[in-house]
Amino acid sequence: MGFLPNKKLYGTATVGTKGQIVIPAEAREELGIKPGDRLYIVNAMHGAGIVCIKEEKLEDMVQQFTAQLEDFRALQQKEDTKE
């Protein structure tokens, strides 16, 4: 189980003078990150770190959330009509 289940440490990255980091090769390969991919940088753990999310994955997450929200609204409307 452990502290971060289903997580993998790919190594470290040092922030350069221009604010750039290099994503470790193993991470790029396993996560399918290619030159030109757009990554969204998100504040994590109340400022203790960042999370990088590929644009396509973020779009998928938003679509899933939207679908679940629509399902929830439909269930709520059914409950409201029963009363």
Protein backbone atom coordinates (compact mmCIF):
# COMPACT_ATOMS: atom_id res chain seq x y z
CA MET A 1 0.00 0.00 0.00
CA GLY A 2 2.36 2.75 1.15
CA PHE A 3 2.21 6.51 1.43
CA LEU A 4 1.28 7.19 -2.21
CA PRO A 5 -0.47 4.09 -3.59
CA ASN A 6 -0.30 3.69 -7.38
CA LYS A 7 2.31 6.43 -7.66
CA LYS A 8 5.81 6.20 -9.09
CA LEU A 9 8.82 8.40 -8.46
CA TYR A 10 10.65 9.02 -11.73
CA GLY A 11 13.54 10.94 -10.20
CA THR A 12 14.16 14.62 -9.70
CA ALA A 13 14.24 17.72 -11.87
CA THR A 14 16.20 20.87 -11.15
CA VAL A 15 14.67 24.24 -11.98
CA GLY A 16 16.99 26.16 -14.28
CA THR A 17 17.61 29.91 -14.35
CA LYS A 18 14.77 30.36 -16.87
CA GLY A 19 12.34 28.39 -14.69
CA GLN A 20 12.53 25.32 -16.91
CA ILE A 21 12.67 21.70 -15.79
CA VAL A 22 13.49 18.54 -17.69
CA ILE A 23 10.99 15.71 -17.29
CA PRO A 24 12.92 12.45 -16.77
CA ALA A 25 13.04 10.25 -19.89
CA GLU A 26 11.36 7.28 -18.19
CA ALA A 27 8.41 9.49 -17.19
CA ARG A 28 8.10 10.90 -20.72
CA GLU A 29 8.14 7.41 -22.21
CA GLU A 30 5.70 5.79 -19.78
CA LEU A 31 3.30 8.74 -19.77
CA GLY A 32 3.49 9.36 -23.50
CA ILE A 33 4.74 12.93 -23.19
CA LYS A 34 6.12 14.14 -26.52
CA PRO A 35 7.66 17.40 -27.74
CA GLY A 36 4.91 19.93 -28.34
CA ASP A 37 2.50 18.38 -25.81
CA ARG A 38 0.74 20.97 -23.69
CA LEU A 39 0.90 20.36 -19.94
CA TYR A 40 -1.22 22.21 -17.41
CA ILE A 41 0.57 23.06 -14.17
CA VAL A 42 -1.65 22.86 -11.09
CA ASN A 43 -0.97 23.89 -7.50
CA ALA A 44 -0.95 20.79 -5.29
CA MET A 45 -0.96 20.12 -1.58
CA HIS A 46 -1.61 23.74 -0.59
CA GLY A 47 1.47 25.09 -2.33
CA ALA A 48 3.82 22.27 -1.38
CA GLY A 49 4.18 21.15 -5.00
CA ILE A 50 2.77 21.06 -8.50
CA VAL A 51 1.02 18.53 -10.68
CA CYS A 52 1.44 18.45 -14.46
CA ILE A 53 -1.57 17.23 -16.45
CA LYS A 54 -1.55 16.56 -20.18
CA GLU A 55 -4.15 18.67 -21.95
CA GLU A 56 -5.94 15.62 -23.39
CA LYS A 57 -6.20 14.02 -19.94
CA LEU A 58 -7.57 17.23 -18.45
CA GLU A 59 -10.16 17.41 -21.23
CA ASP A 60 -11.14 13.78 -20.47
CA MET A 61 -11.46 14.58 -16.76
CA VAL A 62 -13.67 17.59 -17.47
CA GLN A 63 -15.90 15.54 -19.81
CA GLN A 64 -16.27 12.78 -17.21
CA PHE A 65 -17.06 15.29 -14.49
CA THR A 66 -19.62 17.01 -16.72
CA ALA A 67 -21.29 13.68 -17.54
CA GLN A 68 -21.44 12.74 -13.85
CA LEU A 69 -22.89 16.13 -13.01
CA GLU A 70 -25.57 15.69 -15.67
CA ASP A 71 -26.37 12.21 -14.29
CA PHE A 72 -26.63 13.66 -10.78
CA ARG A 73 -28.97 16.41 -11.97
CA ALA A 74 -31.18 13.85 -13.73
CA LEU A 75 -31.38 11.75 -10.55
CA GLN A 76 -32.18 14.84 -8.51
CA GLN A 77 -34.98 15.80 -10.91
CA LYS A 78 -36.44 12.28 -10.60
CA GLU A 79 -36.41 12.60 -6.81
CA ASP A 80 -37.97 16.04 -6.99
CA THR A 81 -40.86 14.76 -9.13
CA LYS A 82 -41.55 11.91 -6.66
CA GLU A 83 -42.25 14.36 -3.84
